[in-house]
Amino acid sequence: MNQQSNKLRIMLKVAIFAAITAILAQVEIPLPLIPISGQTLAVGIAATILGSRQGALAMVLYMAIGAVGLPVFAGFSGGPQVLVGPSGGYVFGFIAAAYVTGLILEKTKFTIPMAVIANIMGMFVTLAFGTVQLKLVLDLGWNAAIVAGVYPFLVVGFIKAFLASWIGIVVRRRLVQAKLLGDMPKEVA
């Protein structure tokens, strides 16, 4: 495969996962300050399938599309005001979470147990970014920010980490078998 063809494949994979994230962002459970949405599930799936760099690039593209105003964030929202608002830290955290999740898998093995550990670590990265911005934007104390920005998401976060791991590893293995992820890091059968 030539260099140009490989770059095109990477761009397509990144764009597909940015689109999947935009779609899953619309699946949401409303809460008072920050809704629970499918965005973090998509982040975990993208990182588990694509790895650190491409997973993070998919989240950068997702954030950029939303930043210019397309309604891809939770609740069909978009625009820079979302990124500087109370929930914006979570969106920034998606980039770091995808990178960390993918990196853990690249340094270990692409297996469901390792993916669960990696996705849980990614969840805490997202929650850390989100809580910091929630604290700053709403001028909350640390305790109030943690109560509002972490606790409501823990149980669902663990469930999404497991789902992202299972879906991601199953799909990844099938894509590798179909030779659609040939440029990816080491694989485990």
C-alpha atoms as a PDB file:
ATOM      1  CA  MET A   1       0.000   0.000   0.000  1.00  0.00           C
ATOM      2  CA  ASN A   2       1.449   3.387  -0.924  1.00  0.00           C
ATOM      3  CA  GLN A   3       1.858   6.340   1.441  1.00  0.00           C
ATOM      4  CA  GLN A   4      -1.047   8.337  -0.035  1.00  0.00           C
ATOM      5  CA  SER A   5      -3.439   5.393   0.185  1.00  0.00           C
ATOM      6  CA  ASN A   6      -2.426   4.765   3.804  1.00  0.00           C
ATOM      7  CA  LYS A   7      -3.039   8.431   4.737  1.00  0.00           C
ATOM      8  CA  LEU A   8      -6.465   8.281   3.113  1.00  0.00           C
ATOM      9  CA  ARG A   9      -7.353   5.131   5.092  1.00  0.00           C
ATOM     10  CA  ILE A  10      -6.298   6.828   8.327  1.00  0.00           C
ATOM     11  CA  MET A  11      -8.317   9.954   7.512  1.00  0.00           C
ATOM     12  CA  LEU A  12     -11.384   7.833   6.738  1.00  0.00           C
ATOM     13  CA  LYS A  13     -11.082   5.865   9.992  1.00  0.00           C
ATOM     14  CA  VAL A  14     -10.674   9.072  11.995  1.00  0.00           C
ATOM     15  CA  ALA A  15     -13.679  10.663  10.255  1.00  0.00           C
ATOM     16  CA  ILE A  16     -15.848   7.574  10.771  1.00  0.00           C
ATOM     17  CA  PHE A  17     -15.142   7.542  14.500  1.00  0.00           C
ATOM     18  CA  ALA A  18     -15.727  11.282  14.808  1.00  0.00           C
ATOM     19  CA  ALA A  19     -19.125  10.664  13.167  1.00  0.00           C
ATOM     20  CA  ILE A  20     -19.874   7.702  15.464  1.00  0.00           C
ATOM     21  CA  THR A  21     -19.098   9.941  18.443  1.00  0.00           C
ATOM     22  CA  ALA A  22     -21.455  12.623  17.113  1.00  0.00           C
ATOM     23  CA  ILE A  23     -24.228  10.036  16.723  1.00  0.00           C
ATOM     24  CA  LEU A  24     -23.754   8.462  20.155  1.00  0.00           C
ATOM     25  CA  ALA A  25     -23.606  11.930  21.741  1.00  0.00           C
ATOM     26  CA  GLN A  26     -27.323  12.236  20.997  1.00  0.00           C
ATOM     27  CA  VAL A  27     -28.135   9.243  23.204  1.00  0.00           C
ATOM     28  CA  GLU A  28     -28.456  10.929  26.574  1.00  0.00           C
ATOM     29  CA  ILE A  29     -29.873  10.716  30.072  1.00  0.00           C
ATOM     30  CA  PRO A  30     -30.557  14.229  31.382  1.00  0.00           C
ATOM     31  CA  LEU A  31     -29.111  15.250  34.755  1.00  0.00           C
ATOM     32  CA  PRO A  32     -29.282  18.690  36.424  1.00  0.00           C
ATOM     33  CA  LEU A  33     -25.802  20.048  35.560  1.00  0.00           C
ATOM     34  CA  ILE A  34     -24.275  17.673  32.993  1.00  0.00           C
ATOM     35  CA  PRO A  35     -26.167  14.969  31.069  1.00  0.00           C
ATOM     36  CA  ILE A  36     -24.931  11.401  30.740  1.00  0.00           C
ATOM     37  CA  SER A  37     -24.444  10.724  27.046  1.00  0.00           C
ATOM     38  CA  GLY A  38     -23.066   8.106  24.692  1.00  0.00           C
ATOM     39  CA  GLN A  39     -20.076  10.296  23.861  1.00  0.00           C
ATOM     40  CA  THR A  40     -17.761   8.582  26.321  1.00  0.00           C
ATOM     41  CA  LEU A  41     -18.849   5.174  25.042  1.00  0.00           C
ATOM     42  CA  ALA A  42     -17.795   6.305  21.566  1.00  0.00           C
ATOM     43  CA  VAL A  43     -14.471   7.622  22.891  1.00  0.00           C
ATOM     44  CA  GLY A  44     -13.699   4.229  24.422  1.00  0.00           C
ATOM     45  CA  ILE A  45     -14.728   2.321  21.317  1.00  0.00           C
ATOM     46  CA  ALA A  46     -12.643   4.604  19.083  1.00  0.00           C
ATOM     47  CA  ALA A  47      -9.552   4.277  21.295  1.00  0.00           C
ATOM     48  CA  THR A  48      -9.955   0.510  21.636  1.00  0.00           C
ATOM     49  CA  ILE A  49     -10.248   0.019  17.893  1.00  0.00           C
ATOM     50  CA  LEU A  50      -7.941   2.725  16.544  1.00  0.00           C
ATOM     51  CA  GLY A  51      -5.312   3.039  19.266  1.00  0.00           C
ATOM     52  CA  SER A  52      -3.847   6.174  20.818  1.00  0.00           C
ATOM     53  CA  ARG A  53      -2.970   8.462  17.924  1.00  0.00           C
ATOM     54  CA  GLN A  54      -5.885   7.770  15.613  1.00  0.00           C
ATOM     55  CA  GLY A  55      -8.354   7.591  18.517  1.00  0.00           C
ATOM     56  CA  ALA A  56      -7.170  10.990  19.770  1.00  0.00           C
ATOM     57  CA  LEU A  57      -7.288  12.400  16.220  1.00  0.00           C
ATOM     58  CA  ALA A  58     -10.894  11.236  15.907  1.00  0.00           C
ATOM     59  CA  MET A  59     -11.726  13.180  19.077  1.00  0.00           C
ATOM     60  CA  VAL A  60      -9.841  16.265  17.852  1.00  0.00           C
ATOM     61  CA  LEU A  61     -11.897  16.147  14.647  1.00  0.00           C
ATOM     62  CA  TYR A  62     -15.112  15.635  16.640  1.00  0.00           C
ATOM     63  CA  MET A  63     -14.288  18.634  18.847  1.00  0.00           C
ATOM     64  CA  ALA A  64     -13.348  20.801  15.849  1.00  0.00           C
ATOM     65  CA  ILE A  65     -16.591  19.984  14.038  1.00  0.00           C
ATOM     66  CA  GLY A  66     -18.553  20.920  17.156  1.00  0.00           C
ATOM     67  CA  ALA A  67     -16.461  24.035  17.789  1.00  0.00           C
ATOM     68  CA  VAL A  68     -17.383  25.505  14.409  1.00  0.00           C
ATOM     69  CA  GLY A  69     -21.041  25.159  15.298  1.00  0.00           C
ATOM     70  CA  LEU A  70     -22.237  21.858  13.906  1.00  0.00           C
ATOM     71  CA  PRO A  71     -24.618  20.274  16.443  1.00  0.00           C
ATOM     72  CA  VAL A  72     -22.542  17.186  17.245  1.00  0.00           C
ATOM     73  CA  PHE A  73     -22.237  17.551  21.007  1.00  0.00           C
ATOM     74  CA  ALA A  74     -24.769  16.120  23.473  1.00  0.00           C
ATOM     75  CA  GLY A  75     -28.285  17.441  22.983  1.00  0.00           C
ATOM     76  CA  PHE A  76     -27.560  18.477  19.377  1.00  0.00           C
ATOM     77  CA  SER A  77     -25.445  21.373  20.646  1.00  0.00           C
ATOM     78  CA  GLY A  78     -22.409  22.906  19.022  1.00  0.00           C
ATOM     79  CA  GLY A  79     -20.284  26.012  18.962  1.00  0.00           C
ATOM     80  CA  PRO A  80     -17.395  27.383  20.996  1.00  0.00           C
ATOM     81  CA  GLN A  81     -19.738  28.254  23.873  1.00  0.00           C
ATOM     82  CA  VAL A  82     -20.071  24.528  24.607  1.00  0.00           C
ATOM     83  CA  LEU A  83     -16.300  24.162  24.874  1.00  0.00           C
ATOM     84  CA  VAL A  84     -15.978  27.055  27.323  1.00  0.00           C
ATOM     85  CA  GLY A  85     -19.142  26.115  29.235  1.00  0.00           C
ATOM     86  CA  PRO A  86     -19.591  23.751  32.190  1.00  0.00           C
ATOM     87  CA  SER A  87     -19.403  20.561  30.095  1.00  0.00           C
ATOM     88  CA  GLY A  88     -16.552  21.664  27.818  1.00  0.00           C
ATOM     89  CA  GLY A  89     -13.861  20.087  29.957  1.00  0.00           C
ATOM     90  CA  TYR A  90     -15.299  16.661  29.269  1.00  0.00           C
ATOM     91  CA  VAL A  91     -15.001  17.253  25.513  1.00  0.00           C
ATOM     92  CA  PHE A  92     -11.351  18.292  25.907  1.00  0.00           C
ATOM     93  CA  GLY A  93     -10.901  15.245  28.122  1.00  0.00           C
ATOM     94  CA  PHE A  94     -12.097  12.969  25.305  1.00  0.00           C
ATOM     95  CA  ILE A  95      -8.882  13.666  23.397  1.00  0.00           C
ATOM     96  CA  ALA A  96      -6.643  12.813  26.347  1.00  0.00           C
ATOM     97  CA  ALA A  97      -8.820   9.829  27.308  1.00  0.00           C
ATOM     98  CA  ALA A  98      -8.670   8.356  23.810  1.00  0.00           C
ATOM     99  CA  TYR A  99      -4.903   8.771  23.760  1.00  0.00           C
ATOM    100  CA  VAL A 100      -4.390   7.243  27.220  1.00  0.00           C
ATOM    101  CA  THR A 101      -6.786   4.356  26.552  1.00  0.00           C
ATOM    102  CA  GLY A 102      -5.183   3.531  23.218  1.00  0.00           C
ATOM    103  CA  LEU A 103      -1.664   3.895  24.597  1.00  0.00           C
ATOM    104  CA  ILE A 104      -2.313   1.460  27.439  1.00  0.00           C
ATOM    105  CA  LEU A 105      -3.575  -1.094  24.917  1.00  0.00           C
ATOM    106  CA  GLU A 106      -0.633  -0.520  22.576  1.00  0.00           C
ATOM    107  CA  LYS A 107       1.825  -1.001  25.453  1.00  0.00           C
ATOM    108  CA  THR A 108       0.078  -4.168  26.675  1.00  0.00           C
ATOM    109  CA  LYS A 109      -2.360  -6.271  24.627  1.00  0.00           C
ATOM    110  CA  PHE A 110      -5.596  -5.686  22.779  1.00  0.00           C
ATOM    111  CA  THR A 111      -7.673  -8.028  24.955  1.00  0.00           C
ATOM    112  CA  ILE A 112     -10.992  -7.433  26.690  1.00  0.00           C
ATOM    113  CA  PRO A 113      -9.506  -7.454  30.229  1.00  0.00           C
ATOM    114  CA  MET A 114      -6.774  -4.973  29.261  1.00  0.00           C
ATOM    115  CA  ALA A 115      -9.324  -2.875  27.378  1.00  0.00           C
ATOM    116  CA  VAL A 116     -11.510  -2.698  30.495  1.00  0.00           C
ATOM    117  CA  ILE A 117      -8.548  -1.413  32.518  1.00  0.00           C
ATOM    118  CA  ALA A 118      -7.588   1.051  29.765  1.00  0.00           C
ATOM    119  CA  ASN A 119     -11.155   2.324  29.366  1.00  0.00           C
ATOM    120  CA  ILE A 120     -11.552   2.798  33.121  1.00  0.00           C
ATOM    121  CA  MET A 121      -8.336   4.836  33.133  1.00  0.00           C
ATOM    122  CA  GLY A 122      -9.697   6.821  30.181  1.00  0.00           C
ATOM    123  CA  MET A 123     -12.946   7.419  32.080  1.00  0.00           C
ATOM    124  CA  PHE A 124     -11.019   8.945  34.977  1.00  0.00           C
ATOM    125  CA  VAL A 125      -9.046  11.149  32.576  1.00  0.00           C
ATOM    126  CA  THR A 126     -12.293  12.479  31.092  1.00  0.00           C
ATOM    127  CA  LEU A 127     -13.797  13.016  34.547  1.00  0.00           C
ATOM    128  CA  ALA A 128     -10.687  14.886  35.710  1.00  0.00           C
ATOM    129  CA  PHE A 129     -10.792  17.295  32.760  1.00  0.00           C
ATOM    130  CA  GLY A 130     -14.547  17.768  33.146  1.00  0.00           C
ATOM    131  CA  THR A 131     -14.411  18.365  36.881  1.00  0.00           C
ATOM    132  CA  VAL A 132     -11.665  20.974  36.610  1.00  0.00           C
ATOM    133  CA  GLN A 133     -13.607  22.977  34.030  1.00  0.00           C
ATOM    134  CA  LEU A 134     -16.880  22.537  35.929  1.00  0.00           C
ATOM    135  CA  LYS A 135     -15.172  23.946  39.029  1.00  0.00           C
ATOM    136  CA  LEU A 136     -13.734  26.918  37.148  1.00  0.00           C
ATOM    137  CA  VAL A 137     -16.773  27.818  35.052  1.00  0.00           C
ATOM    138  CA  LEU A 138     -19.331  27.478  37.848  1.00  0.00           C
ATOM    139  CA  ASP A 139     -16.942  28.769  40.538  1.00  0.00           C
ATOM    140  CA  LEU A 140     -17.472  25.678  42.670  1.00  0.00           C
ATOM    141  CA  GLY A 141     -15.326  24.387  45.485  1.00  0.00           C
ATOM    142  CA  TRP A 142     -13.466  21.142  44.818  1.00  0.00           C
ATOM    143  CA  ASN A 143     -15.904  19.071  46.857  1.00  0.00           C
ATOM    144  CA  ALA A 144     -18.924  20.487  45.027  1.00  0.00           C
ATOM    145  CA  ALA A 145     -17.211  20.028  41.658  1.00  0.00           C
ATOM    146  CA  ILE A 146     -16.400  16.387  42.423  1.00  0.00           C
ATOM    147  CA  VAL A 147     -19.928  15.726  43.681  1.00  0.00           C
ATOM    148  CA  ALA A 148     -21.400  17.248  40.507  1.00  0.00           C
ATOM    149  CA  GLY A 149     -18.734  16.233  38.003  1.00  0.00           C
ATOM    150  CA  VAL A 150     -17.613  12.761  39.056  1.00  0.00           C
ATOM    151  CA  TYR A 151     -20.017  10.895  41.318  1.00  0.00           C
ATOM    152  CA  PRO A 152     -23.071  10.902  38.996  1.00  0.00           C
ATOM    153  CA  PHE A 153     -20.975   9.359  36.213  1.00  0.00           C
ATOM    154  CA  LEU A 154     -19.112   6.584  37.999  1.00  0.00           C
ATOM    155  CA  VAL A 155     -21.584   3.678  37.786  1.00  0.00           C
ATOM    156  CA  VAL A 156     -22.558   4.446  34.203  1.00  0.00           C
ATOM    157  CA  GLY A 157     -18.888   5.089  33.400  1.00  0.00           C
ATOM    158  CA  PHE A 158     -17.890   1.606  34.532  1.00  0.00           C
ATOM    159  CA  ILE A 159     -20.707   0.105  32.456  1.00  0.00           C
ATOM    160  CA  LYS A 160     -19.633   2.128  29.412  1.00  0.00           C
ATOM    161  CA  ALA A 161     -15.981   1.134  29.967  1.00  0.00           C
ATOM    162  CA  PHE A 162     -16.977  -2.527  29.870  1.00  0.00           C
ATOM    163  CA  LEU A 163     -19.209  -2.058  26.798  1.00  0.00           C
ATOM    164  CA  ALA A 164     -16.547  -0.037  24.953  1.00  0.00           C
ATOM    165  CA  SER A 165     -13.992  -2.723  25.738  1.00  0.00           C
ATOM    166  CA  TRP A 166     -16.124  -5.612  24.578  1.00  0.00           C
ATOM    167  CA  ILE A 167     -17.456  -3.886  21.451  1.00  0.00           C
ATOM    168  CA  GLY A 168     -14.064  -2.387  20.626  1.00  0.00           C
ATOM    169  CA  ILE A 169     -12.078  -5.624  20.913  1.00  0.00           C
ATOM    170  CA  VAL A 170     -14.665  -7.699  19.019  1.00  0.00           C
ATOM    171  CA  VAL A 171     -14.897  -5.161  16.186  1.00  0.00           C
ATOM    172  CA  ARG A 172     -11.129  -4.587  16.163  1.00  0.00           C
ATOM    173  CA  ARG A 173     -10.422  -8.308  15.778  1.00  0.00           C
ATOM    174  CA  ARG A 174     -12.868  -8.548  12.903  1.00  0.00           C
ATOM    175  CA  LEU A 175     -11.383  -5.513  11.176  1.00  0.00           C
ATOM    176  CA  VAL A 176      -7.882  -6.947  11.571  1.00  0.00           C
ATOM    177  CA  GLN A 177      -9.040 -10.287  10.139  1.00  0.00           C
ATOM    178  CA  ALA A 178     -10.568  -8.402   7.198  1.00  0.00           C
ATOM    179  CA  LYS A 179      -7.206  -6.607   6.791  1.00  0.00           C
ATOM    180  CA  LEU A 180      -8.852  -3.214   7.340  1.00  0.00           C
ATOM    181  CA  LEU A 181      -6.541  -2.288  10.225  1.00  0.00           C
ATOM    182  CA  GLY A 182      -3.267  -3.512   8.773  1.00  0.00           C
ATOM    183  CA  ASP A 183      -1.388  -0.362   9.791  1.00  0.00           C
ATOM    184  CA  MET A 184      -2.223  -0.851  13.459  1.00  0.00           C
ATOM    185  CA  PRO A 185       0.075  -1.806  16.355  1.00  0.00           C
ATOM    186  CA  LYS A 186       0.586  -5.391  17.512  1.00  0.00           C
ATOM    187  CA  GLU A 187      -2.445  -7.628  17.630  1.00  0.00           C
ATOM    188  CA  VAL A 188      -3.504 -10.470  19.847  1.00  0.00           C
ATOM    189  CA  ALA A 189      -5.534 -13.265  18.276  1.00  0.00           C
END
